[in-house]
């Protein structure tokens, strides 16, 4: 989804941005159930409720609170340099969380494969 969101934020034409946003949102809708089924599949049945709670809480604290706060902070700090585009660049910087998430998923994949072997 990262390339689609970058295309949305950095597109020169509104038509390209709208198309990329549509595809990114479509992928987001597909991602959510896949993410939930992934952590449910690797958890012991007695721990699935806890996993859902930890996942939801972590998504709320990091995604909805900390990243949003950091994007606002960056936007304010970059406003003198980038003007009206400071929010756009701050959101692009906030998308770095997607890269961290992808690396963590790859690491978790290796751990699950090793545990099953």
PDB file of N, CA and C in Angstrom:
ATOM      1  N   UNK A   1       0.816  -1.197   0.000  1.00  0.00           N
ATOM      2  CA  UNK A   1       0.000   0.000   0.000  1.00  0.00           C
ATOM      3  C   UNK A   1       0.856   1.257   0.000  1.00  0.00           C
ATOM      4  N   UNK A   2       2.078   1.122   0.495  1.00  0.00           N
ATOM      5  CA  UNK A   2       2.947   2.298   0.587  1.00  0.00           C
ATOM      6  C   UNK A   2       3.128   3.000  -0.756  1.00  0.00           C
ATOM      7  N   UNK A   3       3.436   2.291  -1.849  1.00  0.00           N
ATOM      8  CA  UNK A   3       3.579   3.003  -3.126  1.00  0.00           C
ATOM      9  C   UNK A   3       2.294   3.720  -3.557  1.00  0.00           C
ATOM     10  N   UNK A   4       1.154   3.116  -3.259  1.00  0.00           N
ATOM     11  CA  UNK A   4      -0.110   3.757  -3.642  1.00  0.00           C
ATOM     12  C   UNK A   4      -0.358   5.025  -2.840  1.00  0.00           C
ATOM     13  N   UNK A   5      -0.062   4.980  -1.545  1.00  0.00           N
ATOM     14  CA  UNK A   5      -0.233   6.189  -0.739  1.00  0.00           C
ATOM     15  C   UNK A   5       0.777   7.269  -1.135  1.00  0.00           C
ATOM     16  N   UNK A   6       1.992   6.870  -1.457  1.00  0.00           N
ATOM     17  CA  UNK A   6       2.972   7.851  -1.938  1.00  0.00           C
ATOM     18  C   UNK A   6       2.511   8.472  -3.251  1.00  0.00           C
ATOM     19  N   UNK A   7       1.960   7.641  -4.137  1.00  0.00           N
ATOM     20  CA  UNK A   7       1.450   8.159  -5.402  1.00  0.00           C
ATOM     21  C   UNK A   7       0.306   9.133  -5.157  1.00  0.00           C
ATOM     22  N   UNK A   8      -0.540   8.821  -4.194  1.00  0.00           N
ATOM     23  CA  UNK A   8      -1.652   9.713  -3.855  1.00  0.00           C
ATOM     24  C   UNK A   8      -1.147  11.072  -3.389  1.00  0.00           C
ATOM     25  N   UNK A   9      -0.162  11.054  -2.517  1.00  0.00           N
ATOM     26  CA  UNK A   9       0.322  12.302  -1.917  1.00  0.00           C
ATOM     27  C   UNK A   9       1.212  13.116  -2.844  1.00  0.00           C
ATOM     28  N   UNK A  10       1.891  12.454  -3.765  1.00  0.00           N
ATOM     29  CA  UNK A  10       2.865  13.151  -4.595  1.00  0.00           C
ATOM     30  C   UNK A  10       2.435  13.318  -6.046  1.00  0.00           C
ATOM     31  N   UNK A  11       1.222  12.923  -6.374  1.00  0.00           N
ATOM     32  CA  UNK A  11       0.747  13.004  -7.760  1.00  0.00           C
ATOM     33  C   UNK A  11       0.604  14.454  -8.200  1.00  0.00           C
ATOM     34  N   UNK A  12       0.942  14.686  -9.458  1.00  0.00           N
ATOM     35  CA  UNK A  12       0.815  16.034 -10.028  1.00  0.00           C
ATOM     36  C   UNK A  12      -0.613  16.307 -10.497  1.00  0.00           C
ATOM     37  N   UNK A  13      -1.342  15.248 -10.813  1.00  0.00           N
ATOM     38  CA  UNK A  13      -2.712  15.408 -11.318  1.00  0.00           C
ATOM     39  C   UNK A  13      -3.692  14.793 -10.336  1.00  0.00           C
ATOM     40  N   UNK A  14      -4.829  15.436 -10.166  1.00  0.00           N
ATOM     41  CA  UNK A  14      -5.832  14.977  -9.215  1.00  0.00           C
ATOM     42  C   UNK A  14      -6.421  13.629  -9.636  1.00  0.00           C
ATOM     43  N   UNK A  15      -6.503  13.366 -10.936  1.00  0.00           N
ATOM     44  CA  UNK A  15      -7.051  12.094 -11.409  1.00  0.00           C
ATOM     45  C   UNK A  15      -6.169  10.929 -10.975  1.00  0.00           C
ATOM     46  N   UNK A  16      -4.869  11.117 -11.059  1.00  0.00           N
ATOM     47  CA  UNK A  16      -3.918  10.084 -10.634  1.00  0.00           C
ATOM     48  C   UNK A  16      -4.020   9.880  -9.123  1.00  0.00           C
ATOM     49  N   UNK A  17      -4.104  10.968  -8.381  1.00  0.00           N
ATOM     50  CA  UNK A  17      -4.221  10.876  -6.923  1.00  0.00           C
ATOM     51  C   UNK A  17      -5.508  10.159  -6.520  1.00  0.00           C
ATOM     52  N   UNK A  18      -6.608  10.461  -7.178  1.00  0.00           N
ATOM     53  CA  UNK A  18      -7.880   9.812  -6.836  1.00  0.00           C
ATOM     54  C   UNK A  18      -7.844   8.319  -7.168  1.00  0.00           C
ATOM     55  N   UNK A  19      -7.268   7.963  -8.306  1.00  0.00           N
ATOM     56  CA  UNK A  19      -7.152   6.548  -8.665  1.00  0.00           C
ATOM     57  C   UNK A  19      -6.268   5.790  -7.693  1.00  0.00           C
ATOM     58  N   UNK A  20      -5.145   6.392  -7.326  1.00  0.00           N
ATOM     59  CA  UNK A  20      -4.242   5.749  -6.375  1.00  0.00           C
ATOM     60  C   UNK A  20      -4.896   5.634  -5.007  1.00  0.00           C
ATOM     61  N   UNK A  21      -5.649   6.630  -4.592  1.00  0.00           N
ATOM     62  CA  UNK A  21      -6.330   6.569  -3.299  1.00  0.00           C
ATOM     63  C   UNK A  21      -7.397   5.474  -3.302  1.00  0.00           C
ATOM     64  N   UNK A  22      -8.117   5.347  -4.414  1.00  0.00           N
ATOM     65  CA  UNK A  22      -9.109   4.273  -4.516  1.00  0.00           C
ATOM     66  C   UNK A  22      -8.432   2.917  -4.349  1.00  0.00           C
ATOM     67  N   UNK A  23      -7.340   2.686  -5.067  1.00  0.00           N
ATOM     68  CA  UNK A  23      -6.632   1.406  -4.967  1.00  0.00           C
ATOM     69  C   UNK A  23      -6.043   1.190  -3.571  1.00  0.00           C
ATOM     70  N   UNK A  24      -5.503   2.237  -2.973  1.00  0.00           N
ATOM     71  CA  UNK A  24      -4.932   2.119  -1.629  1.00  0.00           C
ATOM     72  C   UNK A  24      -6.012   1.765  -0.611  1.00  0.00           C
ATOM     73  N   UNK A  25      -7.155   2.408  -0.697  1.00  0.00           N
ATOM     74  CA  UNK A  25      -8.254   2.097   0.225  1.00  0.00           C
ATOM     75  C   UNK A  25      -8.787   0.687  -0.012  1.00  0.00           C
ATOM     76  N   UNK A  26      -8.851   0.276  -1.265  1.00  0.00           N
ATOM     77  CA  UNK A  26      -9.276  -1.089  -1.588  1.00  0.00           C
ATOM     78  C   UNK A  26      -8.321  -2.098  -0.950  1.00  0.00           C
ATOM     79  N   UNK A  27      -7.027  -1.848  -1.084  1.00  0.00           N
ATOM     80  CA  UNK A  27      -6.028  -2.734  -0.475  1.00  0.00           C
ATOM     81  C   UNK A  27      -6.120  -2.702   1.048  1.00  0.00           C
ATOM     82  N   UNK A  28      -6.415  -1.556   1.615  1.00  0.00           N
ATOM     83  CA  UNK A  28      -6.559  -1.456   3.071  1.00  0.00           C
ATOM     84  C   UNK A  28      -7.706  -2.325   3.571  1.00  0.00           C
ATOM     85  N   UNK A  29      -8.785  -2.344   2.821  1.00  0.00           N
ATOM     86  CA  UNK A  29      -9.935  -3.168   3.199  1.00  0.00           C
ATOM     87  C   UNK A  29      -9.573  -4.649   3.121  1.00  0.00           C
ATOM     88  N   UNK A  30      -8.740  -5.029   2.168  1.00  0.00           N
ATOM     89  CA  UNK A  30      -8.303  -6.423   2.054  1.00  0.00           C
ATOM     90  C   UNK A  30      -7.265  -6.773   3.122  1.00  0.00           C
ATOM     91  N   UNK A  31      -6.473  -5.810   3.515  1.00  0.00           N
ATOM     92  CA  UNK A  31      -5.392  -6.034   4.474  1.00  0.00           C
ATOM     93  C   UNK A  31      -5.921  -6.365   5.868  1.00  0.00           C
ATOM     94  N   UNK A  32      -6.943  -5.688   6.293  1.00  0.00           N
ATOM     95  CA  UNK A  32      -7.417  -5.825   7.673  1.00  0.00           C
ATOM     96  C   UNK A  32      -7.817  -7.255   8.036  1.00  0.00           C
ATOM     97  N   UNK A  33      -8.673  -7.931   7.264  1.00  0.00           N
ATOM     98  CA  UNK A  33      -9.004  -9.308   7.634  1.00  0.00           C
ATOM     99  C   UNK A  33      -7.812 -10.259   7.499  1.00  0.00           C
ATOM    100  N   UNK A  34      -6.937 -10.006   6.531  1.00  0.00           N
ATOM    101  CA  UNK A  34      -5.751 -10.858   6.388  1.00  0.00           C
ATOM    102  C   UNK A  34      -4.833 -10.706   7.593  1.00  0.00           C
ATOM    103  N   UNK A  35      -4.674  -9.485   8.069  1.00  0.00           N
ATOM    104  CA  UNK A  35      -3.864  -9.225   9.256  1.00  0.00           C
ATOM    105  C   UNK A  35      -4.453  -9.937  10.469  1.00  0.00           C
ATOM    106  N   UNK A  36      -5.766  -9.815  10.655  1.00  0.00           N
ATOM    107  CA  UNK A  36      -6.427 -10.451  11.796  1.00  0.00           C
ATOM    108  C   UNK A  36      -6.305 -11.971  11.728  1.00  0.00           C
ATOM    109  N   UNK A  37      -6.512 -12.546  10.562  1.00  0.00           N
ATOM    110  CA  UNK A  37      -6.413 -14.005  10.455  1.00  0.00           C
ATOM    111  C   UNK A  37      -4.978 -14.477  10.643  1.00  0.00           C
ATOM    112  N   UNK A  38      -3.999 -13.650  10.280  1.00  0.00           N
ATOM    113  CA  UNK A  38      -2.596 -14.049  10.457  1.00  0.00           C
ATOM    114  C   UNK A  38      -2.246 -14.183  11.930  1.00  0.00           C
ATOM    115  N   UNK A  39      -2.582 -13.182  12.740  1.00  0.00           N
ATOM    116  CA  UNK A  39      -2.212 -13.319  14.150  1.00  0.00           C
ATOM    117  C   UNK A  39      -3.102 -14.330  14.865  1.00  0.00           C
ATOM    118  N   UNK A  40      -4.328 -14.531  14.409  1.00  0.00           N
ATOM    119  CA  UNK A  40      -5.182 -15.547  15.009  1.00  0.00           C
ATOM    120  C   UNK A  40      -4.670 -16.957  14.699  1.00  0.00           C
ATOM    121  N   UNK A  41      -4.106 -17.136  13.498  1.00  0.00           N
ATOM    122  CA  UNK A  41      -3.619 -18.454  13.086  1.00  0.00           C
ATOM    123  C   UNK A  41      -2.387 -18.889  13.868  1.00  0.00           C
ATOM    124  N   UNK A  42      -1.557 -17.962  14.279  1.00  0.00           N
ATOM    125  CA  UNK A  42      -0.326 -18.336  14.981  1.00  0.00           C
ATOM    126  C   UNK A  42      -0.489 -18.366  16.493  1.00  0.00           C
ATOM    127  N   UNK A  43      -1.618 -17.900  17.004  1.00  0.00           N
ATOM    128  CA  UNK A  43      -1.844 -17.881  18.445  1.00  0.00           C
ATOM    129  C   UNK A  43      -2.491 -19.175  18.921  1.00  0.00           C
ATOM    130  N   UNK A  44      -2.166 -19.548  20.128  1.00  0.00           N
ATOM    131  CA  UNK A  44      -2.874 -20.643  20.795  1.00  0.00           C
ATOM    132  C   UNK A  44      -4.330 -20.209  20.955  1.00  0.00           C
ATOM    133  N   UNK A  45      -5.288 -21.140  20.816  1.00  0.00           N
ATOM    134  CA  UNK A  45      -6.700 -20.752  20.928  1.00  0.00           C
ATOM    135  C   UNK A  45      -7.042 -19.974  22.200  1.00  0.00           C
ATOM    136  N   UNK A  46      -6.373 -20.275  23.298  1.00  0.00           N
ATOM    137  CA  UNK A  46      -6.666 -19.563  24.546  1.00  0.00           C
ATOM    138  C   UNK A  46      -6.112 -18.142  24.555  1.00  0.00           C
ATOM    139  N   UNK A  47      -5.211 -17.827  23.634  1.00  0.00           N
ATOM    140  CA  UNK A  47      -4.584 -16.509  23.610  1.00  0.00           C
ATOM    141  C   UNK A  47      -5.118 -15.621  22.492  1.00  0.00           C
ATOM    142  N   UNK A  48      -6.064 -16.092  21.720  1.00  0.00           N
ATOM    143  CA  UNK A  48      -6.552 -15.311  20.571  1.00  0.00           C
ATOM    144  C   UNK A  48      -7.252 -14.026  20.982  1.00  0.00           C
ATOM    145  N   UNK A  49      -8.012 -14.071  22.049  1.00  0.00           N
ATOM    146  CA  UNK A  49      -8.668 -12.853  22.543  1.00  0.00           C
ATOM    147  C   UNK A  49      -7.654 -11.822  23.004  1.00  0.00           C
ATOM    148  N   UNK A  50      -6.627 -12.287  23.703  1.00  0.00           N
ATOM    149  CA  UNK A  50      -5.559 -11.383  24.140  1.00  0.00           C
ATOM    150  C   UNK A  50      -4.838 -10.794  22.944  1.00  0.00           C
ATOM    151  N   UNK A  51      -4.578 -11.624  21.938  1.00  0.00           N
ATOM    152  CA  UNK A  51      -3.906 -11.135  20.729  1.00  0.00           C
ATOM    153  C   UNK A  51      -4.734 -10.061  20.036  1.00  0.00           C
ATOM    154  N   UNK A  52      -6.039 -10.279  19.967  1.00  0.00           N
ATOM    155  CA  UNK A  52      -6.912  -9.276  19.350  1.00  0.00           C
ATOM    156  C   UNK A  52      -6.891  -7.977  20.141  1.00  0.00           C
ATOM    157  N   UNK A  53      -6.908  -8.084  21.470  1.00  0.00           N
ATOM    158  CA  UNK A  53      -6.864  -6.884  22.309  1.00  0.00           C
ATOM    159  C   UNK A  53      -5.553  -6.134  22.190  1.00  0.00           C
ATOM    160  N   UNK A  54      -4.450  -6.883  22.206  1.00  0.00           N
ATOM    161  CA  UNK A  54      -3.133  -6.243  22.069  1.00  0.00           C
ATOM    162  C   UNK A  54      -3.008  -5.598  20.697  1.00  0.00           C
ATOM    163  N   UNK A  55      -3.474  -6.286  19.666  1.00  0.00           N
ATOM    164  CA  UNK A  55      -3.401  -5.723  18.307  1.00  0.00           C
ATOM    165  C   UNK A  55      -4.225  -4.445  18.194  1.00  0.00           C
ATOM    166  N   UNK A  56      -5.457  -4.501  18.673  1.00  0.00           N
ATOM    167  CA  UNK A  56      -6.311  -3.309  18.602  1.00  0.00           C
ATOM    168  C   UNK A  56      -5.766  -2.153  19.422  1.00  0.00           C
ATOM    169  N   UNK A  57      -5.282  -2.461  20.623  1.00  0.00           N
ATOM    170  CA  UNK A  57      -4.708  -1.410  21.471  1.00  0.00           C
ATOM    171  C   UNK A  57      -3.454  -0.807  20.877  1.00  0.00           C
ATOM    172  N   UNK A  58      -2.600  -1.660  20.340  1.00  0.00           N
ATOM    173  CA  UNK A  58      -1.370  -1.173  19.719  1.00  0.00           C
ATOM    174  C   UNK A  58      -1.677  -0.322  18.494  1.00  0.00           C
ATOM    175  N   UNK A  59      -2.619  -0.782  17.662  1.00  0.00           N
ATOM    176  CA  UNK A  59      -2.999   0.015  16.494  1.00  0.00           C
ATOM    177  C   UNK A  59      -3.558   1.372  16.905  1.00  0.00           C
ATOM    178  N   UNK A  60      -4.339   1.410  17.972  1.00  0.00           N
ATOM    179  CA  UNK A  60      -4.916   2.669  18.425  1.00  0.00           C
ATOM    180  C   UNK A  60      -3.847   3.604  18.981  1.00  0.00           C
ATOM    181  N   UNK A  61      -2.965   3.064  19.812  1.00  0.00           N
ATOM    182  CA  UNK A  61      -1.946   3.916  20.444  1.00  0.00           C
ATOM    183  C   UNK A  61      -0.917   4.394  19.432  1.00  0.00           C
ATOM    184  N   UNK A  62      -0.408   3.477  18.624  1.00  0.00           N
ATOM    185  CA  UNK A  62       0.643   3.870  17.674  1.00  0.00           C
ATOM    186  C   UNK A  62       0.048   4.564  16.455  1.00  0.00           C
ATOM    187  N   UNK A  63      -0.908   3.893  15.796  1.00  0.00           N
ATOM    188  CA  UNK A  63      -1.448   4.428  14.545  1.00  0.00           C
ATOM    189  C   UNK A  63      -2.314   5.657  14.709  1.00  0.00           C
ATOM    190  N   UNK A  64      -3.218   5.608  15.661  1.00  0.00           N
ATOM    191  CA  UNK A  64      -4.166   6.711  15.788  1.00  0.00           C
ATOM    192  C   UNK A  64      -3.661   7.840  16.676  1.00  0.00           C
ATOM    193  N   UNK A  65      -2.706   7.552  17.550  1.00  0.00           N
ATOM    194  CA  UNK A  65      -2.260   8.584  18.484  1.00  0.00           C
ATOM    195  C   UNK A  65      -0.841   9.066  18.183  1.00  0.00           C
ATOM    196  N   UNK A  66       0.129   8.199  18.325  1.00  0.00           N
ATOM    197  CA  UNK A  66       1.527   8.643  18.213  1.00  0.00           C
ATOM    198  C   UNK A  66       1.903   9.104  16.803  1.00  0.00           C
ATOM    199  N   UNK A  67       1.515   8.329  15.787  1.00  0.00           N
ATOM    200  CA  UNK A  67       1.873   8.736  14.419  1.00  0.00           C
ATOM    201  C   UNK A  67       1.143  10.022  14.039  1.00  0.00           C
ATOM    202  N   UNK A  68      -0.115  10.123  14.426  1.00  0.00           N
ATOM    203  CA  UNK A  68      -0.873  11.342  14.137  1.00  0.00           C
ATOM    204  C   UNK A  68      -0.232  12.551  14.821  1.00  0.00           C
ATOM    205  N   UNK A  69       0.169  12.386  16.064  1.00  0.00           N
ATOM    206  CA  UNK A  69       0.839  13.461  16.792  1.00  0.00           C
ATOM    207  C   UNK A  69       2.162  13.824  16.117  1.00  0.00           C
ATOM    208  N   UNK A  70       2.945  12.818  15.715  1.00  0.00           N
ATOM    209  CA  UNK A  70       4.237  13.076  15.077  1.00  0.00           C
ATOM    210  C   UNK A  70       4.062  13.774  13.727  1.00  0.00           C
ATOM    211  N   UNK A  71       3.042  13.378  12.971  1.00  0.00           N
ATOM    212  CA  UNK A  71       2.784  14.035  11.678  1.00  0.00           C
ATOM    213  C   UNK A  71       2.428  15.499  11.905  1.00  0.00           C
ATOM    214  N   UNK A  72       1.602  15.788  12.884  1.00  0.00           N
ATOM    215  CA  UNK A  72       1.267  17.179  13.190  1.00  0.00           C
ATOM    216  C   UNK A  72       2.476  17.980  13.632  1.00  0.00           C
ATOM    217  N   UNK A  73       3.317  17.362  14.455  1.00  0.00           N
ATOM    218  CA  UNK A  73       4.535  18.020  14.918  1.00  0.00           C
ATOM    219  C   UNK A  73       5.472  18.332  13.748  1.00  0.00           C
ATOM    220  N   UNK A  74       5.669  17.341  12.870  1.00  0.00           N
ATOM    221  CA  UNK A  74       6.517  17.565  11.690  1.00  0.00           C
ATOM    222  C   UNK A  74       5.932  18.628  10.771  1.00  0.00           C
ATOM    223  N   UNK A  75       4.630  18.580  10.573  1.00  0.00           N
ATOM    224  CA  UNK A  75       3.988  19.561   9.704  1.00  0.00           C
ATOM    225  C   UNK A  75       4.194  20.981  10.230  1.00  0.00           C
ATOM    226  N   UNK A  76       4.023  21.157  11.527  1.00  0.00           N
ATOM    227  CA  UNK A  76       4.240  22.480  12.120  1.00  0.00           C
ATOM    228  C   UNK A  76       5.700  22.908  12.009  1.00  0.00           C
ATOM    229  N   UNK A  77       6.602  21.957  12.238  1.00  0.00           N
ATOM    230  CA  UNK A  77       8.028  22.289  12.174  1.00  0.00           C
ATOM    231  C   UNK A  77       8.473  22.607  10.748  1.00  0.00           C
ATOM    232  N   UNK A  78       7.896  21.927   9.780  1.00  0.00           N
ATOM    233  CA  UNK A  78       8.294  22.114   8.374  1.00  0.00           C
ATOM    234  C   UNK A  78       7.521  23.226   7.674  1.00  0.00           C
ATOM    235  N   UNK A  79       6.530  23.810   8.334  1.00  0.00           N
ATOM    236  CA  UNK A  79       5.706  24.841   7.701  1.00  0.00           C
ATOM    237  C   UNK A  79       6.517  26.031   7.201  1.00  0.00           C
ATOM    238  N   UNK A  80       7.500  26.536   7.971  1.00  0.00           N
ATOM    239  CA  UNK A  80       8.274  27.664   7.438  1.00  0.00           C
ATOM    240  C   UNK A  80       9.058  27.323   6.170  1.00  0.00           C
ATOM    241  N   UNK A  81       9.474  26.081   6.049  1.00  0.00           N
ATOM    242  CA  UNK A  81      10.280  25.681   4.883  1.00  0.00           C
ATOM    243  C   UNK A  81       9.431  25.295   3.681  1.00  0.00           C
ATOM    244  N   UNK A  82       8.338  24.508   3.920  1.00  0.00           N
ATOM    245  CA  UNK A  82       7.555  23.966   2.810  1.00  0.00           C
ATOM    246  C   UNK A  82       6.208  24.647   2.613  1.00  0.00           C
ATOM    247  N   UNK A  83       5.828  25.516   3.531  1.00  0.00           N
ATOM    248  CA  UNK A  83       4.553  26.223   3.400  1.00  0.00           C
ATOM    249  C   UNK A  83       3.370  25.278   3.437  1.00  0.00           C
ATOM    250  N   UNK A  84       2.462  25.436   2.469  1.00  0.00           N
ATOM    251  CA  UNK A  84       1.241  24.631   2.433  1.00  0.00           C
ATOM    252  C   UNK A  84       1.531  23.154   2.196  1.00  0.00           C
ATOM    253  N   UNK A  85       2.685  22.821   1.653  1.00  0.00           N
ATOM    254  CA  UNK A  85       3.031  21.421   1.405  1.00  0.00           C
ATOM    255  C   UNK A  85       3.618  20.720   2.617  1.00  0.00           C
ATOM    256  N   UNK A  86       3.759  21.414   3.729  1.00  0.00           N
ATOM    257  CA  UNK A  86       4.378  20.796   4.906  1.00  0.00           C
ATOM    258  C   UNK A  86       3.570  19.602   5.413  1.00  0.00           C
ATOM    259  N   UNK A  87       2.245  19.677   5.355  1.00  0.00           N
ATOM    260  CA  UNK A  87       1.422  18.556   5.798  1.00  0.00           C
ATOM    261  C   UNK A  87       1.613  17.354   4.877  1.00  0.00           C
ATOM    262  N   UNK A  88       1.676  17.604   3.586  1.00  0.00           N
ATOM    263  CA  UNK A  88       1.888  16.525   2.623  1.00  0.00           C
ATOM    264  C   UNK A  88       3.195  15.787   2.925  1.00  0.00           C
ATOM    265  N   UNK A  89       4.270  16.519   3.144  1.00  0.00           N
ATOM    266  CA  UNK A  89       5.564  15.890   3.407  1.00  0.00           C
ATOM    267  C   UNK A  89       5.600  15.223   4.783  1.00  0.00           C
ATOM    268  N   UNK A  90       4.881  15.776   5.734  1.00  0.00           N
ATOM    269  CA  UNK A  90       4.813  15.150   7.052  1.00  0.00           C
ATOM    270  C   UNK A  90       4.061  13.821   6.980  1.00  0.00           C
ATOM    271  N   UNK A  91       3.008  13.763   6.181  1.00  0.00           N
ATOM    272  CA  UNK A  91       2.288  12.503   6.002  1.00  0.00           C
ATOM    273  C   UNK A  91       3.174  11.482   5.309  1.00  0.00           C
ATOM    274  N   UNK A  92       3.928  11.921   4.298  1.00  0.00           N
ATOM    275  CA  UNK A  92       4.872  11.022   3.629  1.00  0.00           C
ATOM    276  C   UNK A  92       5.874  10.471   4.636  1.00  0.00           C
ATOM    277  N   UNK A  93       6.390  11.312   5.513  1.00  0.00           N
ATOM    278  CA  UNK A  93       7.314  10.844   6.552  1.00  0.00           C
ATOM    279  C   UNK A  93       6.615   9.870   7.498  1.00  0.00           C
ATOM    280  N   UNK A  94       5.357  10.121   7.806  1.00  0.00           N
ATOM    281  CA  UNK A  94       4.601   9.225   8.674  1.00  0.00           C
ATOM    282  C   UNK A  94       4.386   7.851   8.073  1.00  0.00           C
ATOM    283  N   UNK A  95       4.424   7.776   6.749  1.00  0.00           N
ATOM    284  CA  UNK A  95       4.274   6.487   6.083  1.00  0.00           C
ATOM    285  C   UNK A  95       5.469   5.563   6.326  1.00  0.00           C
ATOM    286  N   UNK A  96       6.535   6.100   6.914  1.00  0.00           N
ATOM    287  CA  UNK A  96       7.678   5.247   7.242  1.00  0.00           C
ATOM    288  C   UNK A  96       7.285   4.150   8.225  1.00  0.00           C
ATOM    289  N   UNK A  97       6.198   4.367   8.959  1.00  0.00           N
ATOM    290  CA  UNK A  97       5.688   3.344   9.872  1.00  0.00           C
ATOM    291  C   UNK A  97       5.291   2.092   9.079  1.00  0.00           C
ATOM    292  N   UNK A  98       4.847   2.274   7.836  1.00  0.00           N
ATOM    293  CA  UNK A  98       4.510   1.122   6.990  1.00  0.00           C
ATOM    294  C   UNK A  98       5.739   0.266   6.729  1.00  0.00           C
ATOM    295  N   UNK A  99       6.885   0.894   6.539  1.00  0.00           N
ATOM    296  CA  UNK A  99       8.125   0.148   6.299  1.00  0.00           C
ATOM    297  C   UNK A  99       8.510  -0.623   7.562  1.00  0.00           C
ATOM    298  N   UNK A 100       8.415   0.022   8.707  1.00  0.00           N
ATOM    299  CA  UNK A 100       8.714  -0.652   9.977  1.00  0.00           C
ATOM    300  C   UNK A 100       7.783  -1.841  10.160  1.00  0.00           C
ATOM    301  N   UNK A 101       6.511  -1.665   9.862  1.00  0.00           N
ATOM    302  CA  UNK A 101       5.534  -2.740   9.987  1.00  0.00           C
ATOM    303  C   UNK A 101       5.880  -3.901   9.059  1.00  0.00           C
ATOM    304  N   UNK A 102       6.257  -3.603   7.834  1.00  0.00           N
ATOM    305  CA  UNK A 102       6.609  -4.662   6.883  1.00  0.00           C
ATOM    306  C   UNK A 102       7.821  -5.455   7.366  1.00  0.00           C
ATOM    307  N   UNK A 103       8.816  -4.770   7.895  1.00  0.00           N
ATOM    308  CA  UNK A 103      10.002  -5.453   8.418  1.00  0.00           C
ATOM    309  C   UNK A 103       9.620  -6.347   9.594  1.00  0.00           C
ATOM    310  N   UNK A 104       8.736  -5.862  10.441  1.00  0.00           N
ATOM    311  CA  UNK A 104       8.305  -6.659  11.589  1.00  0.00           C
ATOM    312  C   UNK A 104       7.513  -7.893  11.146  1.00  0.00           C
ATOM    313  N   UNK A 105       6.682  -7.756  10.116  1.00  0.00           N
ATOM    314  CA  UNK A 105       5.953  -8.906   9.592  1.00  0.00           C
ATOM    315  C   UNK A 105       6.919  -9.940   9.004  1.00  0.00           C
ATOM    316  N   UNK A 106       7.932  -9.491   8.275  1.00  0.00           N
ATOM    317  CA  UNK A 106       8.908 -10.429   7.730  1.00  0.00           C
ATOM    318  C   UNK A 106       9.663 -11.153   8.836  1.00  0.00           C
ATOM    319  N   UNK A 107      10.013 -10.433   9.884  1.00  0.00           N
ATOM    320  CA  UNK A 107      10.693 -11.056  11.019  1.00  0.00           C
ATOM    321  C   UNK A 107       9.772 -12.070  11.703  1.00  0.00           C
ATOM    322  N   UNK A 108       8.519 -11.713  11.898  1.00  0.00           N
ATOM    323  CA  UNK A 108       7.561 -12.629  12.520  1.00  0.00           C
ATOM    324  C   UNK A 108       7.369 -13.873  11.662  1.00  0.00           C
ATOM    325  N   UNK A 109       7.368 -13.690  10.350  1.00  0.00           N
ATOM    326  CA  UNK A 109       7.235 -14.843   9.438  1.00  0.00           C
ATOM    327  C   UNK A 109       8.381 -15.819   9.656  1.00  0.00           C
ATOM    328  N   UNK A 110       9.599 -15.296   9.748  1.00  0.00           N
ATOM    329  CA  UNK A 110      10.757 -16.165   9.975  1.00  0.00           C
ATOM    330  C   UNK A 110      10.647 -16.891  11.311  1.00  0.00           C
ATOM    331  N   UNK A 111      10.173 -16.195  12.337  1.00  0.00           N
ATOM    332  CA  UNK A 111      10.016 -16.822  13.646  1.00  0.00           C
ATOM    333  C   UNK A 111       8.973 -17.935  13.621  1.00  0.00           C
ATOM    334  N   UNK A 112       7.870 -17.714  12.939  1.00  0.00           N
ATOM    335  CA  UNK A 112       6.815 -18.733  12.861  1.00  0.00           C
ATOM    336  C   UNK A 112       7.310 -19.945  12.080  1.00  0.00           C
ATOM    337  N   UNK A 113       8.013 -19.713  10.976  1.00  0.00           N
ATOM    338  CA  UNK A 113       8.553 -20.831  10.200  1.00  0.00           C
ATOM    339  C   UNK A 113       9.555 -21.631  11.035  1.00  0.00           C
ATOM    340  N   UNK A 114      10.404 -20.938  11.782  1.00  0.00           N
ATOM    341  CA  UNK A 114      11.377 -21.626  12.627  1.00  0.00           C
ATOM    342  C   UNK A 114      10.703 -22.410  13.739  1.00  0.00           C
ATOM    343  N   UNK A 115       9.625 -21.874  14.299  1.00  0.00           N
ATOM    344  CA  UNK A 115       8.930 -22.557  15.392  1.00  0.00           C
ATOM    345  C   UNK A 115       8.196 -23.799  14.896  1.00  0.00           C
ATOM    346  N   UNK A 116       7.740 -23.768  13.664  1.00  0.00           N
ATOM    347  CA  UNK A 116       7.006 -24.922  13.113  1.00  0.00           C
ATOM    348  C   UNK A 116       7.950 -26.017  12.622  1.00  0.00           C
ATOM    349  N   UNK A 117       9.217 -25.686  12.411  1.00  0.00           N
ATOM    350  CA  UNK A 117      10.165 -26.685  11.886  1.00  0.00           C
ATOM    351  C   UNK A 117      10.627 -27.649  12.940  1.00  0.00           C
TER     352      UNK A 117
END
